[in-house]
N, C-alpha and C. Protein backbone atom coordinates (compact mmCIF):
# COMPACT_ATOMS: atom_id res chain seq x y z
N MET A 1 26.48 10.31 -5.18
CA MET A 1 25.40 11.27 -5.06
C MET A 1 24.13 10.55 -4.61
N THR A 2 23.49 11.07 -3.56
CA THR A 2 22.29 10.45 -3.02
C THR A 2 21.08 11.31 -3.35
N SER A 3 20.05 10.68 -3.84
CA SER A 3 18.83 11.41 -4.18
C SER A 3 17.89 11.44 -2.98
N ASP A 4 16.92 12.38 -3.01
CA ASP A 4 15.94 12.48 -1.93
C ASP A 4 15.12 11.21 -1.80
N LEU A 5 14.89 10.53 -2.91
CA LEU A 5 14.12 9.29 -2.89
C LEU A 5 15.04 8.10 -3.09
N ASP A 6 15.98 7.95 -2.16
CA ASP A 6 16.90 6.82 -2.16
C ASP A 6 16.08 5.53 -2.26
N LEU A 7 16.66 4.52 -2.90
CA LEU A 7 15.92 3.27 -3.15
C LEU A 7 15.34 2.63 -1.89
N HIS A 8 15.95 2.87 -0.75
CA HIS A 8 15.48 2.24 0.47
C HIS A 8 14.95 3.25 1.49
N SER A 9 14.73 4.46 1.08
CA SER A 9 14.25 5.48 2.01
C SER A 9 12.79 5.21 2.36
N PRO A 10 12.37 5.65 3.54
CA PRO A 10 10.97 5.50 3.92
C PRO A 10 10.01 6.18 2.93
N GLN A 11 10.42 7.32 2.38
CA GLN A 11 9.58 8.01 1.40
C GLN A 11 9.35 7.13 0.17
N ARG A 12 10.42 6.54 -0.33
CA ARG A 12 10.34 5.68 -1.52
C ARG A 12 9.50 4.44 -1.21
N GLN A 13 9.73 3.84 -0.06
CA GLN A 13 8.97 2.66 0.33
C GLN A 13 7.48 2.99 0.41
N ARG A 14 7.15 4.14 0.99
CA ARG A 14 5.75 4.55 1.12
C ARG A 14 5.11 4.72 -0.25
N ILE A 15 5.82 5.35 -1.16
CA ILE A 15 5.29 5.56 -2.51
C ILE A 15 5.06 4.22 -3.21
N GLU A 16 6.01 3.31 -3.09
CA GLU A 16 5.86 1.99 -3.72
C GLU A 16 4.68 1.23 -3.13
N LEU A 17 4.51 1.32 -1.81
CA LEU A 17 3.38 0.65 -1.17
C LEU A 17 2.05 1.27 -1.58
N GLN A 18 2.02 2.60 -1.73
CA GLN A 18 0.80 3.26 -2.18
C GLN A 18 0.42 2.82 -3.59
N ILE A 19 1.42 2.65 -4.44
CA ILE A 19 1.16 2.18 -5.81
C ILE A 19 0.63 0.75 -5.77
N GLU A 20 1.27 -0.10 -4.97
CA GLU A 20 0.80 -1.49 -4.86
C GLU A 20 -0.62 -1.54 -4.30
N HIS A 21 -0.92 -0.69 -3.32
CA HIS A 21 -2.25 -0.63 -2.72
C HIS A 21 -3.28 -0.25 -3.78
N ALA A 22 -2.96 0.75 -4.59
CA ALA A 22 -3.88 1.18 -5.66
C ALA A 22 -4.06 0.08 -6.70
N ASP A 23 -2.98 -0.62 -7.03
CA ASP A 23 -3.06 -1.72 -7.99
C ASP A 23 -3.96 -2.85 -7.46
N LEU A 24 -3.80 -3.17 -6.17
CA LEU A 24 -4.64 -4.20 -5.57
C LEU A 24 -6.11 -3.78 -5.58
N ASN A 25 -6.35 -2.52 -5.28
CA ASN A 25 -7.72 -2.01 -5.28
C ASN A 25 -8.35 -2.16 -6.67
N ALA A 26 -7.60 -1.83 -7.70
CA ALA A 26 -8.10 -1.96 -9.07
C ALA A 26 -8.33 -3.43 -9.43
N LEU A 27 -7.43 -4.31 -9.01
CA LEU A 27 -7.57 -5.73 -9.29
C LEU A 27 -8.80 -6.31 -8.59
N ILE A 28 -9.00 -5.92 -7.34
CA ILE A 28 -10.17 -6.39 -6.59
C ILE A 28 -11.45 -5.94 -7.28
N ASP A 29 -11.49 -4.69 -7.71
CA ASP A 29 -12.67 -4.19 -8.43
C ASP A 29 -12.90 -4.98 -9.71
N LEU A 30 -11.84 -5.26 -10.43
CA LEU A 30 -11.94 -6.01 -11.68
C LEU A 30 -12.45 -7.44 -11.42
N LEU A 31 -11.89 -8.09 -10.41
CA LEU A 31 -12.31 -9.46 -10.09
C LEU A 31 -13.76 -9.52 -9.65
N ASN A 32 -14.22 -8.50 -8.94
CA ASN A 32 -15.61 -8.46 -8.49
C ASN A 32 -16.58 -8.32 -9.65
N GLN A 33 -16.13 -7.86 -10.80
CA GLN A 33 -16.98 -7.69 -11.97
C GLN A 33 -17.05 -8.95 -12.82
N GLN A 34 -16.21 -9.95 -12.51
CA GLN A 34 -16.18 -11.18 -13.29
C GLN A 34 -17.45 -12.00 -13.00
N PRO A 35 -17.90 -12.76 -14.00
CA PRO A 35 -19.09 -13.58 -13.79
C PRO A 35 -18.91 -14.64 -12.70
N THR A 36 -17.72 -15.23 -12.62
CA THR A 36 -17.43 -16.17 -11.54
C THR A 36 -16.40 -15.53 -10.62
N VAL A 37 -16.80 -15.30 -9.39
CA VAL A 37 -15.96 -14.60 -8.43
C VAL A 37 -15.22 -15.61 -7.55
N ASP A 38 -13.91 -15.48 -7.49
CA ASP A 38 -13.08 -16.32 -6.63
C ASP A 38 -12.97 -15.62 -5.27
N GLU A 39 -13.90 -15.97 -4.39
CA GLU A 39 -13.99 -15.30 -3.08
C GLU A 39 -12.71 -15.45 -2.26
N LEU A 40 -12.10 -16.62 -2.31
CA LEU A 40 -10.87 -16.84 -1.54
C LEU A 40 -9.76 -15.92 -2.03
N ARG A 41 -9.61 -15.79 -3.34
CA ARG A 41 -8.58 -14.90 -3.90
C ARG A 41 -8.86 -13.45 -3.50
N ILE A 42 -10.10 -13.05 -3.60
CA ILE A 42 -10.45 -11.67 -3.24
C ILE A 42 -10.19 -11.42 -1.76
N ARG A 43 -10.53 -12.39 -0.91
CA ARG A 43 -10.25 -12.23 0.53
C ARG A 43 -8.76 -12.07 0.79
N ARG A 44 -7.95 -12.87 0.10
CA ARG A 44 -6.49 -12.77 0.27
C ARG A 44 -5.97 -11.42 -0.22
N LEU A 45 -6.49 -10.95 -1.34
CA LEU A 45 -6.06 -9.64 -1.85
C LEU A 45 -6.46 -8.52 -0.89
N LYS A 46 -7.65 -8.61 -0.33
CA LYS A 46 -8.10 -7.58 0.62
C LYS A 46 -7.25 -7.60 1.88
N LYS A 47 -6.87 -8.80 2.32
CA LYS A 47 -6.01 -8.91 3.50
C LYS A 47 -4.66 -8.26 3.23
N ARG A 48 -4.11 -8.52 2.04
CA ARG A 48 -2.84 -7.89 1.66
C ARG A 48 -2.98 -6.38 1.58
N LYS A 49 -4.11 -5.92 1.05
CA LYS A 49 -4.36 -4.48 0.92
C LYS A 49 -4.41 -3.83 2.31
N LEU A 50 -5.03 -4.50 3.27
CA LEU A 50 -5.07 -3.96 4.64
C LEU A 50 -3.68 -3.92 5.27
N ALA A 51 -2.88 -4.95 5.01
CA ALA A 51 -1.51 -4.96 5.54
C ALA A 51 -0.70 -3.82 4.93
N LEU A 52 -0.90 -3.57 3.64
CA LEU A 52 -0.21 -2.45 2.99
C LEU A 52 -0.63 -1.13 3.61
N ARG A 53 -1.93 -0.98 3.85
CA ARG A 53 -2.42 0.26 4.46
C ARG A 53 -1.78 0.48 5.82
N ASP A 54 -1.67 -0.58 6.61
CA ASP A 54 -1.03 -0.47 7.93
C ASP A 54 0.43 -0.05 7.80
N GLU A 55 1.13 -0.63 6.84
CA GLU A 55 2.54 -0.29 6.64
C GLU A 55 2.70 1.14 6.13
N ILE A 56 1.81 1.57 5.25
CA ILE A 56 1.83 2.96 4.76
C ILE A 56 1.62 3.92 5.92
N THR A 57 0.68 3.59 6.79
CA THR A 57 0.41 4.43 7.96
C THR A 57 1.63 4.50 8.88
N ARG A 58 2.28 3.36 9.08
CA ARG A 58 3.48 3.33 9.93
C ARG A 58 4.59 4.20 9.34
N LEU A 59 4.80 4.09 8.03
CA LEU A 59 5.82 4.90 7.38
C LEU A 59 5.45 6.38 7.42
N GLN A 60 4.17 6.68 7.26
CA GLN A 60 3.72 8.07 7.31
C GLN A 60 4.03 8.69 8.67
N ARG A 61 3.75 7.92 9.73
CA ARG A 61 4.05 8.42 11.09
C ARG A 61 5.55 8.63 11.28
N LEU A 62 6.34 7.76 10.69
CA LEU A 62 7.79 7.87 10.78
C LEU A 62 8.28 9.13 10.07
N LEU A 63 7.63 9.49 8.98
CA LEU A 63 8.07 10.63 8.17
C LEU A 63 7.54 11.97 8.66
N GLU A 64 6.44 11.96 9.39
CA GLU A 64 5.86 13.22 9.85
C GLU A 64 6.77 13.86 10.89
N PRO A 65 6.86 15.19 10.85
CA PRO A 65 7.68 15.86 11.88
C PRO A 65 7.02 15.69 13.25
N LYS A 66 7.87 15.60 14.24
CA LYS A 66 7.38 15.44 15.61
C LYS A 66 6.70 16.73 16.07
N GLU A 67 5.57 16.57 16.73
CA GLU A 67 4.84 17.74 17.24
C GLU A 67 5.52 18.23 18.51
N PRO A 68 5.59 19.54 18.67
CA PRO A 68 6.18 20.07 19.93
C PRO A 68 5.32 19.71 21.11
N ALA A 69 5.95 19.46 22.23
CA ALA A 69 5.23 19.06 23.44
C ALA A 69 4.49 20.20 24.07
């Protein structure tokens, strides 16, 4: 039996990436509130967050129905 959110389906991947993106956003906010800010770590996290956003966008385009010509 196959579920709509198969473990490797684009929908499932998109949801997992959205969760990771939100987690990174929360971590970046938390790190920015620390008295000593590790700029290099924050830059790396932001870069990862941007890569996730790009992948989420790619998956979203894949999942959207094609527009009629």
